[in-house]
Each structure stands twice: as C-alpha cells, then as structure tokens.
C-alpha cells in the first residue's frame, strides 16, 4: 500500500505543534489595511489555534506533520 499524500494547501496554512494542536496565521492582513483599526490589525498579527472540532480534519489532511 502506498503512502498517503499530504494536502499541500493545508500544509501551507497550518502547522502542528508539539502538543498536537493546529496553529495558523490570521486572515485579512494583506490589503485594505487603511480602513481597519489599529487594534484589529494588532490582534491579527498573532497566531491562533483552530477549534478542537476542526482539528481532526486538519490532522487527517497532514498525515506526516
């Protein structure tokens, strides 16, 4: 039986931490930044973790992470 392929779009967006959580960068930081408040842009800088209900899907798409 062959190896399972990694879903490359998912691999570019998420990283699996040592504890098994999936970490990602926030969205909406590319353009139209002039109309966003400083507070919103500052909060979008930080990484975030996906919800526990969505984590198994991401881990299935990244079998070797």
PDB file of N, CA and C in Angstrom:
ATOM      1  N   UNK A   1       0.847  -1.186   0.000  1.00  0.00           N
ATOM      2  CA  UNK A   1       0.000   0.000   0.000  1.00  0.00           C
ATOM      3  C   UNK A   1       0.887   1.242   0.000  1.00  0.00           C
ATOM      4  N   UNK A   2       0.513   2.219  -0.816  1.00  0.00           N
ATOM      5  CA  UNK A   2       1.306   3.429  -0.957  1.00  0.00           C
ATOM      6  C   UNK A   2       1.143   4.386   0.207  1.00  0.00           C
ATOM      7  N   UNK A   3       1.962   5.413   0.185  1.00  0.00           N
ATOM      8  CA  UNK A   3       1.891   6.440   1.213  1.00  0.00           C
ATOM      9  C   UNK A   3       0.685   7.343   0.978  1.00  0.00           C
ATOM     10  N   UNK A   4       0.204   7.943   2.062  1.00  0.00           N
ATOM     11  CA  UNK A   4      -0.870   8.917   1.961  1.00  0.00           C
ATOM     12  C   UNK A   4      -0.273  10.266   1.606  1.00  0.00           C
ATOM     13  N   UNK A   5      -0.870  10.953   0.660  1.00  0.00           N
ATOM     14  CA  UNK A   5      -0.349  12.246   0.245  1.00  0.00           C
ATOM     15  C   UNK A   5      -0.801  13.343   1.200  1.00  0.00           C
ATOM     16  N   UNK A   6       0.079  14.302   1.415  1.00  0.00           N
ATOM     17  CA  UNK A   6      -0.237  15.472   2.223  1.00  0.00           C
ATOM     18  C   UNK A   6      -0.981  16.474   1.351  1.00  0.00           C
ATOM     19  N   UNK A   7      -2.040  17.053   1.895  1.00  0.00           N
ATOM     20  CA  UNK A   7      -2.774  18.099   1.202  1.00  0.00           C
ATOM     21  C   UNK A   7      -1.958  19.385   1.298  1.00  0.00           C
ATOM     22  N   UNK A   8      -1.363  19.803   0.192  1.00  0.00           N
ATOM     23  CA  UNK A   8      -0.359  20.872   0.213  1.00  0.00           C
ATOM     24  C   UNK A   8      -0.933  22.233   0.600  1.00  0.00           C
ATOM     25  N   UNK A   9      -2.176  22.510   0.241  1.00  0.00           N
ATOM     26  CA  UNK A   9      -2.782  23.787   0.624  1.00  0.00           C
ATOM     27  C   UNK A   9      -2.942  23.863   2.140  1.00  0.00           C
ATOM     28  N   UNK A  10      -3.290  22.742   2.753  1.00  0.00           N
ATOM     29  CA  UNK A  10      -3.417  22.699   4.208  1.00  0.00           C
ATOM     30  C   UNK A  10      -2.053  22.823   4.868  1.00  0.00           C
ATOM     31  N   UNK A  11      -1.053  22.193   4.303  1.00  0.00           N
ATOM     32  CA  UNK A  11       0.292  22.240   4.877  1.00  0.00           C
ATOM     33  C   UNK A  11       0.858  23.654   4.854  1.00  0.00           C
ATOM     34  N   UNK A  12       0.466  24.459   3.863  1.00  0.00           N
ATOM     35  CA  UNK A  12       0.949  25.839   3.780  1.00  0.00           C
ATOM     36  C   UNK A  12       0.260  26.746   4.791  1.00  0.00           C
ATOM     37  N   UNK A  13      -0.942  26.389   5.210  1.00  0.00           N
ATOM     38  CA  UNK A  13      -1.728  27.255   6.078  1.00  0.00           C
ATOM     39  C   UNK A  13      -1.618  26.905   7.557  1.00  0.00           C
ATOM     40  N   UNK A  14      -1.342  25.653   7.879  1.00  0.00           N
ATOM     41  CA  UNK A  14      -1.346  25.200   9.269  1.00  0.00           C
ATOM     42  C   UNK A  14      -0.027  24.549   9.634  1.00  0.00           C
ATOM     43  N   UNK A  15       0.329  24.644  10.907  1.00  0.00           N
ATOM     44  CA  UNK A  15       1.469  23.926  11.469  1.00  0.00           C
ATOM     45  C   UNK A  15       0.953  23.159  12.682  1.00  0.00           C
ATOM     46  N   UNK A  16       1.413  21.936  12.849  1.00  0.00           N
ATOM     47  CA  UNK A  16       1.022  21.133  14.003  1.00  0.00           C
ATOM     48  C   UNK A  16       2.067  21.344  15.094  1.00  0.00           C
ATOM     49  N   UNK A  17       1.619  21.730  16.287  1.00  0.00           N
ATOM     50  CA  UNK A  17       2.537  21.984  17.389  1.00  0.00           C
ATOM     51  C   UNK A  17       2.945  20.665  18.035  1.00  0.00           C
ATOM     52  N   UNK A  18       3.890  20.742  18.957  1.00  0.00           N
ATOM     53  CA  UNK A  18       4.365  19.544  19.645  1.00  0.00           C
ATOM     54  C   UNK A  18       3.244  18.876  20.435  1.00  0.00           C
ATOM     55  N   UNK A  19       2.352  19.682  20.967  1.00  0.00           N
ATOM     56  CA  UNK A  19       1.226  19.160  21.732  1.00  0.00           C
ATOM     57  C   UNK A  19       0.094  18.630  20.881  1.00  0.00           C
ATOM     58  N   UNK A  20       0.191  18.793  19.547  1.00  0.00           N
ATOM     59  CA  UNK A  20      -0.822  18.241  18.654  1.00  0.00           C
ATOM     60  C   UNK A  20      -1.878  19.227  18.203  1.00  0.00           C
ATOM     61  N   UNK A  21      -1.757  20.506  18.602  1.00  0.00           N
ATOM     62  CA  UNK A  21      -2.726  21.496  18.174  1.00  0.00           C
ATOM     63  C   UNK A  21      -2.316  22.044  16.804  1.00  0.00           C
ATOM     64  N   UNK A  22      -3.300  22.521  16.058  1.00  0.00           N
ATOM     65  CA  UNK A  22      -3.030  23.108  14.747  1.00  0.00           C
ATOM     66  C   UNK A  22      -3.012  24.621  14.890  1.00  0.00           C
ATOM     67  N   UNK A  23      -1.908  25.240  14.457  1.00  0.00           N
ATOM     68  CA  UNK A  23      -1.699  26.677  14.582  1.00  0.00           C
ATOM     69  C   UNK A  23      -1.775  27.307  13.198  1.00  0.00           C
ATOM     70  N   UNK A  24      -2.302  28.544  13.115  1.00  0.00           N
ATOM     71  CA  UNK A  24      -2.401  29.224  11.832  1.00  0.00           C
ATOM     72  C   UNK A  24      -2.276  30.724  12.033  1.00  0.00           C
ATOM     73  N   UNK A  25      -1.963  31.417  10.950  1.00  0.00           N
ATOM     74  CA  UNK A  25      -1.933  32.878  10.960  1.00  0.00           C
ATOM     75  C   UNK A  25      -3.318  33.402  10.629  1.00  0.00           C
ATOM     76  N   UNK A  26      -3.647  34.556  11.200  1.00  0.00           N
ATOM     77  CA  UNK A  26      -4.945  35.162  10.939  1.00  0.00           C
ATOM     78  C   UNK A  26      -5.046  35.635   9.489  1.00  0.00           C
ATOM     79  N   UNK A  27      -6.272  35.788   9.025  1.00  0.00           N
ATOM     80  CA  UNK A  27      -6.558  36.287   7.693  1.00  0.00           C
ATOM     81  C   UNK A  27      -6.699  37.808   7.727  1.00  0.00           C
ATOM     82  N   UNK A  28      -6.986  38.394   6.588  1.00  0.00           N
ATOM     83  CA  UNK A  28      -7.297  39.825   6.451  1.00  0.00           C
ATOM     84  C   UNK A  28      -6.142  40.748   6.805  1.00  0.00           C
ATOM     85  N   UNK A  29      -4.911  40.344   6.486  1.00  0.00           N
ATOM     86  CA  UNK A  29      -3.763  41.203   6.755  1.00  0.00           C
ATOM     87  C   UNK A  29      -3.008  41.551   5.463  1.00  0.00           C
ATOM     88  N   UNK A  30      -3.642  41.421   4.305  1.00  0.00           N
ATOM     89  CA  UNK A  30      -2.944  41.589   3.039  1.00  0.00           C
ATOM     90  C   UNK A  30      -3.166  42.975   2.427  1.00  0.00           C
ATOM     91  N   UNK A  31      -4.408  43.409   2.331  1.00  0.00           N
ATOM     92  CA  UNK A  31      -4.685  44.673   1.665  1.00  0.00           C
ATOM     93  C   UNK A  31      -5.881  45.341   2.334  1.00  0.00           C
ATOM     94  N   UNK A  32      -6.162  46.555   1.929  1.00  0.00           N
ATOM     95  CA  UNK A  32      -7.220  47.387   2.522  1.00  0.00           C
ATOM     96  C   UNK A  32      -6.997  47.562   4.020  1.00  0.00           C
ATOM     97  N   UNK A  33      -5.753  47.827   4.388  1.00  0.00           N
ATOM     98  CA  UNK A  33      -5.421  47.977   5.800  1.00  0.00           C
ATOM     99  C   UNK A  33      -5.758  49.358   6.329  1.00  0.00           C
ATOM    100  N   UNK A  34      -5.983  50.312   5.434  1.00  0.00           N
ATOM    101  CA  UNK A  34      -6.276  51.668   5.866  1.00  0.00           C
ATOM    102  C   UNK A  34      -7.596  51.801   6.579  1.00  0.00           C
ATOM    103  N   UNK A  35      -8.564  50.973   6.219  1.00  0.00           N
ATOM    104  CA  UNK A  35      -9.883  51.076   6.840  1.00  0.00           C
ATOM    105  C   UNK A  35     -10.010  50.209   8.094  1.00  0.00           C
ATOM    106  N   UNK A  36      -9.002  49.409   8.401  1.00  0.00           N
ATOM    107  CA  UNK A  36      -9.041  48.577   9.604  1.00  0.00           C
ATOM    108  C   UNK A  36      -8.402  49.328  10.763  1.00  0.00           C
ATOM    109  N   UNK A  37      -8.952  49.162  11.944  1.00  0.00           N
ATOM    110  CA  UNK A  37      -8.438  49.877  13.109  1.00  0.00           C
ATOM    111  C   UNK A  37      -7.096  49.295  13.541  1.00  0.00           C
ATOM    112  N   UNK A  38      -6.332  50.097  14.266  1.00  0.00           N
ATOM    113  CA  UNK A  38      -5.033  49.647  14.751  1.00  0.00           C
ATOM    114  C   UNK A  38      -5.180  48.448  15.668  1.00  0.00           C
ATOM    115  N   UNK A  39      -6.212  48.457  16.485  1.00  0.00           N
ATOM    116  CA  UNK A  39      -6.456  47.346  17.401  1.00  0.00           C
ATOM    117  C   UNK A  39      -6.688  46.050  16.628  1.00  0.00           C
ATOM    118  N   UNK A  40      -7.488  46.134  15.580  1.00  0.00           N
ATOM    119  CA  UNK A  40      -7.794  44.947  14.779  1.00  0.00           C
ATOM    120  C   UNK A  40      -6.545  44.404  14.095  1.00  0.00           C
ATOM    121  N   UNK A  41      -5.732  45.313  13.522  1.00  0.00           N
ATOM    122  CA  UNK A  41      -4.507  44.878  12.845  1.00  0.00           C
ATOM    123  C   UNK A  41      -3.511  44.288  13.835  1.00  0.00           C
ATOM    124  N   UNK A  42      -3.435  44.855  15.019  1.00  0.00           N
ATOM    125  CA  UNK A  42      -2.527  44.342  16.051  1.00  0.00           C
ATOM    126  C   UNK A  42      -2.944  42.940  16.490  1.00  0.00           C
ATOM    127  N   UNK A  43      -4.233  42.717  16.652  1.00  0.00           N
ATOM    128  CA  UNK A  43      -4.715  41.404  17.074  1.00  0.00           C
ATOM    129  C   UNK A  43      -4.563  40.358  15.969  1.00  0.00           C
ATOM    130  N   UNK A  44      -4.609  40.785  14.724  1.00  0.00           N
ATOM    131  CA  UNK A  44      -4.457  39.850  13.609  1.00  0.00           C
ATOM    132  C   UNK A  44      -3.010  39.408  13.421  1.00  0.00           C
ATOM    133  N   UNK A  45      -2.054  40.127  14.032  1.00  0.00           N
ATOM    134  CA  UNK A  45      -0.645  39.737  13.921  1.00  0.00           C
ATOM    135  C   UNK A  45      -0.359  38.396  14.587  1.00  0.00           C
ATOM    136  N   UNK A  46      -1.040  38.128  15.690  1.00  0.00           N
ATOM    137  CA  UNK A  46      -0.749  36.937  16.494  1.00  0.00           C
ATOM    138  C   UNK A  46      -1.271  35.678  15.823  1.00  0.00           C
ATOM    139  N   UNK A  47      -0.618  34.577  16.103  1.00  0.00           N
ATOM    140  CA  UNK A  47      -1.090  33.284  15.635  1.00  0.00           C
ATOM    141  C   UNK A  47      -2.282  32.850  16.463  1.00  0.00           C
ATOM    142  N   UNK A  48      -3.022  31.888  15.958  1.00  0.00           N
ATOM    143  CA  UNK A  48      -4.183  31.371  16.670  1.00  0.00           C
ATOM    144  C   UNK A  48      -4.231  29.862  16.488  1.00  0.00           C
ATOM    145  N   UNK A  49      -5.048  29.206  17.293  1.00  0.00           N
ATOM    146  CA  UNK A  49      -5.237  27.766  17.210  1.00  0.00           C
ATOM    147  C   UNK A  49      -6.643  27.484  16.725  1.00  0.00           C
ATOM    148  N   UNK A  50      -6.778  26.468  15.889  1.00  0.00           N
ATOM    149  CA  UNK A  50      -8.106  26.130  15.389  1.00  0.00           C
ATOM    150  C   UNK A  50      -8.895  25.428  16.487  1.00  0.00           C
ATOM    151  N   UNK A  51     -10.208  25.378  16.318  1.00  0.00           N
ATOM    152  CA  UNK A  51     -11.068  24.777  17.324  1.00  0.00           C
ATOM    153  C   UNK A  51     -10.837  23.263  17.378  1.00  0.00           C
ATOM    154  N   UNK A  52     -11.165  22.692  18.509  1.00  0.00           N
ATOM    155  CA  UNK A  52     -10.953  21.256  18.719  1.00  0.00           C
ATOM    156  C   UNK A  52     -11.812  20.415  17.777  1.00  0.00           C
ATOM    157  N   UNK A  53     -12.959  20.935  17.359  1.00  0.00           N
ATOM    158  CA  UNK A  53     -13.824  20.166  16.472  1.00  0.00           C
ATOM    159  C   UNK A  53     -13.261  20.107  15.042  1.00  0.00           C
ATOM    160  N   UNK A  54     -12.457  21.107  14.662  1.00  0.00           N
ATOM    161  CA  UNK A  54     -11.902  21.172  13.318  1.00  0.00           C
ATOM    162  C   UNK A  54     -10.528  20.524  13.228  1.00  0.00           C
ATOM    163  N   UNK A  55      -9.887  20.296  14.370  1.00  0.00           N
ATOM    164  CA  UNK A  55      -8.523  19.773  14.404  1.00  0.00           C
ATOM    165  C   UNK A  55      -8.378  18.395  13.739  1.00  0.00           C
ATOM    166  N   UNK A  56      -9.281  17.440  13.957  1.00  0.00           N
ATOM    167  CA  UNK A  56      -9.106  16.127  13.310  1.00  0.00           C
ATOM    168  C   UNK A  56      -9.093  16.190  11.787  1.00  0.00           C
ATOM    169  N   UNK A  57      -9.820  17.137  11.203  1.00  0.00           N
ATOM    170  CA  UNK A  57      -9.845  17.264   9.744  1.00  0.00           C
ATOM    171  C   UNK A  57      -8.485  17.708   9.234  1.00  0.00           C
ATOM    172  N   UNK A  58      -7.895  18.696   9.917  1.00  0.00           N
ATOM    173  CA  UNK A  58      -6.590  19.211   9.506  1.00  0.00           C
ATOM    174  C   UNK A  58      -5.526  18.132   9.680  1.00  0.00           C
ATOM    175  N   UNK A  59      -5.584  17.394  10.775  1.00  0.00           N
ATOM    176  CA  UNK A  59      -4.595  16.343  11.023  1.00  0.00           C
ATOM    177  C   UNK A  59      -4.707  15.209  10.012  1.00  0.00           C
ATOM    178  N   UNK A  60      -5.926  14.953   9.538  1.00  0.00           N
ATOM    179  CA  UNK A  60      -6.119  13.912   8.523  1.00  0.00           C
ATOM    180  C   UNK A  60      -5.506  14.343   7.184  1.00  0.00           C
ATOM    181  N   UNK A  61      -5.578  15.637   6.892  1.00  0.00           N
ATOM    182  CA  UNK A  61      -5.038  16.153   5.634  1.00  0.00           C
ATOM    183  C   UNK A  61      -3.517  16.249   5.672  1.00  0.00           C
ATOM    184  N   UNK A  62      -2.932  16.236   6.889  1.00  0.00           N
ATOM    185  CA  UNK A  62      -1.482  16.324   7.052  1.00  0.00           C
ATOM    186  C   UNK A  62      -1.007  15.103   7.850  1.00  0.00           C
ATOM    187  N   UNK A  63      -0.960  13.935   7.232  1.00  0.00           N
ATOM    188  CA  UNK A  63      -0.685  12.716   7.990  1.00  0.00           C
ATOM    189  C   UNK A  63       0.721  12.621   8.567  1.00  0.00           C
ATOM    190  N   UNK A  64       1.706  13.329   7.993  1.00  0.00           N
ATOM    191  CA  UNK A  64       3.082  13.176   8.467  1.00  0.00           C
ATOM    192  C   UNK A  64       3.588  14.393   9.228  1.00  0.00           C
ATOM    193  N   UNK A  65       2.688  15.298   9.571  1.00  0.00           N
ATOM    194  CA  UNK A  65       3.093  16.517  10.300  1.00  0.00           C
ATOM    195  C   UNK A  65       3.299  16.220  11.779  1.00  0.00           C
TER     196      UNK A  65
END
